[in-house]
Amino acid sequence: MNFKQFTAIRIFILIIMVGLISWAIVSGNAWIPIPVIIAALVIQLFVRRRVKEVVVDERVYSIAEKASLVAFRIFGIAAAVIGATLVALGWQSASDLYKIGLTLAYAVCGLLVIYYIAYIYYNRKYSGKK
């Protein structure tokens, strides 16, 4: 199987998955999306193994790394600023703005903790030090 066929199968799987999840949402059945997503992932895993061409190379990893770093920075800064602004606007009245601001602030803190743990892990893994 070549990469073009692989891409067509992935799009077909995505269309079926979106249709089934949309039908589950409309019918109010919350149990359908989880098995549908798991089945789609498993099918894509089996299909990917049959591809003879190189699907991912170092350039793709480098681009994904740079894109994730930019997304991390933009989200972190924007969520911190918006969270601090909402906390400042709603702290006296204990309104929903205050709660939303605190939620964003805690989300940024959690994001930074996950980043720090991942940084320590990968630093130890690739630095050669044990």
Protein backbone atom coordinates (compact mmCIF):
# COMPACT_ATOMS: atom_id res chain seq x y z
CA MET A 1 0.00 0.00 0.00
CA ASN A 2 1.34 3.44 -0.84
CA PHE A 3 0.99 6.67 1.12
CA LYS A 4 -1.80 8.03 -1.08
CA GLN A 5 -3.97 4.96 -0.41
CA PHE A 6 -3.16 5.24 3.29
CA THR A 7 -4.31 8.87 3.33
CA ALA A 8 -7.55 7.98 1.52
CA ILE A 9 -8.29 5.20 4.04
CA ARG A 10 -7.59 7.56 6.94
CA ILE A 11 -10.02 10.14 5.52
CA PHE A 12 -12.64 7.42 5.00
CA ILE A 13 -12.21 6.24 8.62
CA LEU A 14 -12.49 9.84 9.81
CA ILE A 15 -15.73 10.39 7.88
CA ILE A 16 -17.27 7.22 9.32
CA MET A 17 -16.10 8.13 12.82
CA VAL A 18 -17.53 11.66 12.59
CA GLY A 19 -20.84 10.28 11.26
CA LEU A 20 -21.17 7.73 14.06
CA ILE A 21 -20.23 10.23 16.78
CA SER A 22 -22.66 12.80 15.34
CA TRP A 23 -25.41 10.19 15.31
CA ALA A 24 -24.57 9.28 18.93
CA ILE A 25 -24.77 12.92 20.01
CA VAL A 26 -28.10 13.45 18.26
CA SER A 27 -29.55 10.26 19.72
CA GLY A 28 -28.19 11.08 23.18
CA ASN A 29 -26.13 7.90 23.52
CA ALA A 30 -22.90 8.69 25.37
CA TRP A 31 -21.50 5.15 25.12
CA ILE A 32 -21.01 5.03 21.36
CA PRO A 33 -18.18 7.59 20.85
CA ILE A 34 -15.60 5.86 23.05
CA PRO A 35 -15.64 2.46 21.26
CA VAL A 36 -15.86 4.20 17.89
CA ILE A 37 -12.72 6.23 18.61
CA ILE A 38 -10.86 3.18 19.92
CA ALA A 39 -11.87 1.12 16.88
CA ALA A 40 -10.78 3.91 14.51
CA LEU A 41 -7.38 4.13 16.22
CA VAL A 42 -6.88 0.36 16.06
CA ILE A 43 -7.88 0.21 12.39
CA GLN A 44 -5.50 3.06 11.57
CA LEU A 45 -2.71 1.28 13.43
CA PHE A 46 -3.20 -1.87 11.36
CA VAL A 47 -3.46 0.11 8.12
CA ARG A 48 -0.28 2.09 8.92
CA ARG A 49 1.68 -1.15 9.33
CA ARG A 50 0.85 -2.12 5.73
CA VAL A 51 2.32 1.09 4.26
CA LYS A 52 5.57 0.38 2.42
CA GLU A 53 6.74 3.99 2.09
CA VAL A 54 8.18 6.21 4.80
CA VAL A 55 5.25 7.88 6.55
CA VAL A 56 7.14 10.04 9.04
CA ASP A 57 10.68 11.36 8.87
CA GLU A 58 12.84 13.64 11.01
CA ARG A 59 11.54 16.76 9.27
CA VAL A 60 7.96 15.96 10.31
CA TYR A 61 9.09 15.48 13.91
CA SER A 62 11.01 18.76 13.83
CA ILE A 63 8.02 20.68 12.44
CA ALA A 64 5.68 19.12 15.03
CA GLU A 65 8.14 19.99 17.79
CA LYS A 66 8.32 23.64 16.73
CA ALA A 67 4.54 23.89 16.29
CA SER A 68 3.86 22.41 19.72
CA LEU A 69 6.30 24.81 21.36
CA VAL A 70 4.62 27.80 19.71
CA ALA A 71 1.15 26.52 20.68
CA PHE A 72 2.34 25.94 24.26
CA ARG A 73 3.73 29.45 24.54
CA ILE A 74 0.70 31.15 23.00
CA PHE A 75 -1.80 29.20 25.12
CA GLY A 76 0.22 29.59 28.31
CA ILE A 77 0.61 33.35 28.00
CA ALA A 78 -2.95 33.98 26.78
CA ALA A 79 -4.55 31.79 29.47
CA ALA A 80 -2.43 33.37 32.20
CA VAL A 81 -3.32 36.92 31.10
CA ILE A 82 -7.02 36.13 30.65
CA GLY A 83 -7.13 34.23 33.95
CA ALA A 84 -5.47 37.06 35.88
CA THR A 85 -7.78 39.60 34.24
CA LEU A 86 -10.91 37.60 35.13
CA VAL A 87 -9.73 37.09 38.71
CA ALA A 88 -9.06 40.82 39.04
CA LEU A 89 -12.47 41.70 37.61
CA GLY A 90 -14.48 39.30 39.73
CA TRP A 91 -12.65 38.82 43.02
CA GLN A 92 -14.83 41.18 45.08
CA SER A 93 -18.18 39.83 43.97
CA ALA A 94 -17.13 36.14 43.81
CA SER A 95 -18.90 35.92 40.47
CA ASP A 96 -18.47 33.39 37.72
CA LEU A 97 -15.65 35.51 36.28
CA TYR A 98 -13.60 34.81 39.41
CA LYS A 99 -14.20 31.07 39.15
CA ILE A 100 -13.36 30.99 35.46
CA GLY A 101 -10.21 33.03 36.08
CA LEU A 102 -9.07 30.66 38.82
CA THR A 103 -9.77 27.68 36.58
CA LEU A 104 -7.61 29.17 33.84
CA ALA A 105 -4.87 30.03 36.33
CA TYR A 106 -4.84 26.48 37.71
CA ALA A 107 -4.84 25.09 34.16
CA VAL A 108 -1.74 27.16 33.35
CA CYS A 109 -0.08 25.95 36.56
CA GLY A 110 -0.90 22.35 35.66
CA LEU A 111 0.44 22.88 32.16
CA LEU A 112 3.70 24.26 33.54
CA VAL A 113 4.07 21.34 35.96
CA ILE A 114 3.53 18.82 33.14
CA TYR A 115 6.05 20.71 30.99
CA TYR A 116 8.61 20.72 33.79
CA ILE A 117 8.22 16.99 34.47
CA ALA A 118 8.47 16.20 30.74
CA TYR A 119 11.54 18.44 30.45
CA ILE A 120 13.28 16.66 33.34
CA TYR A 121 12.41 13.26 31.85
CA TYR A 122 13.67 14.04 28.36
CA ASN A 123 16.71 15.88 29.67
CA ARG A 124 17.76 12.78 31.60
CA LYS A 125 16.87 10.44 28.73
CA TYR A 126 18.83 12.26 26.03
CA SER A 127 21.67 13.88 27.99
CA GLY A 128 23.40 10.57 28.68
CA LYS A 129 23.42 11.18 32.42
CA LYS A 130 21.66 8.69 34.64
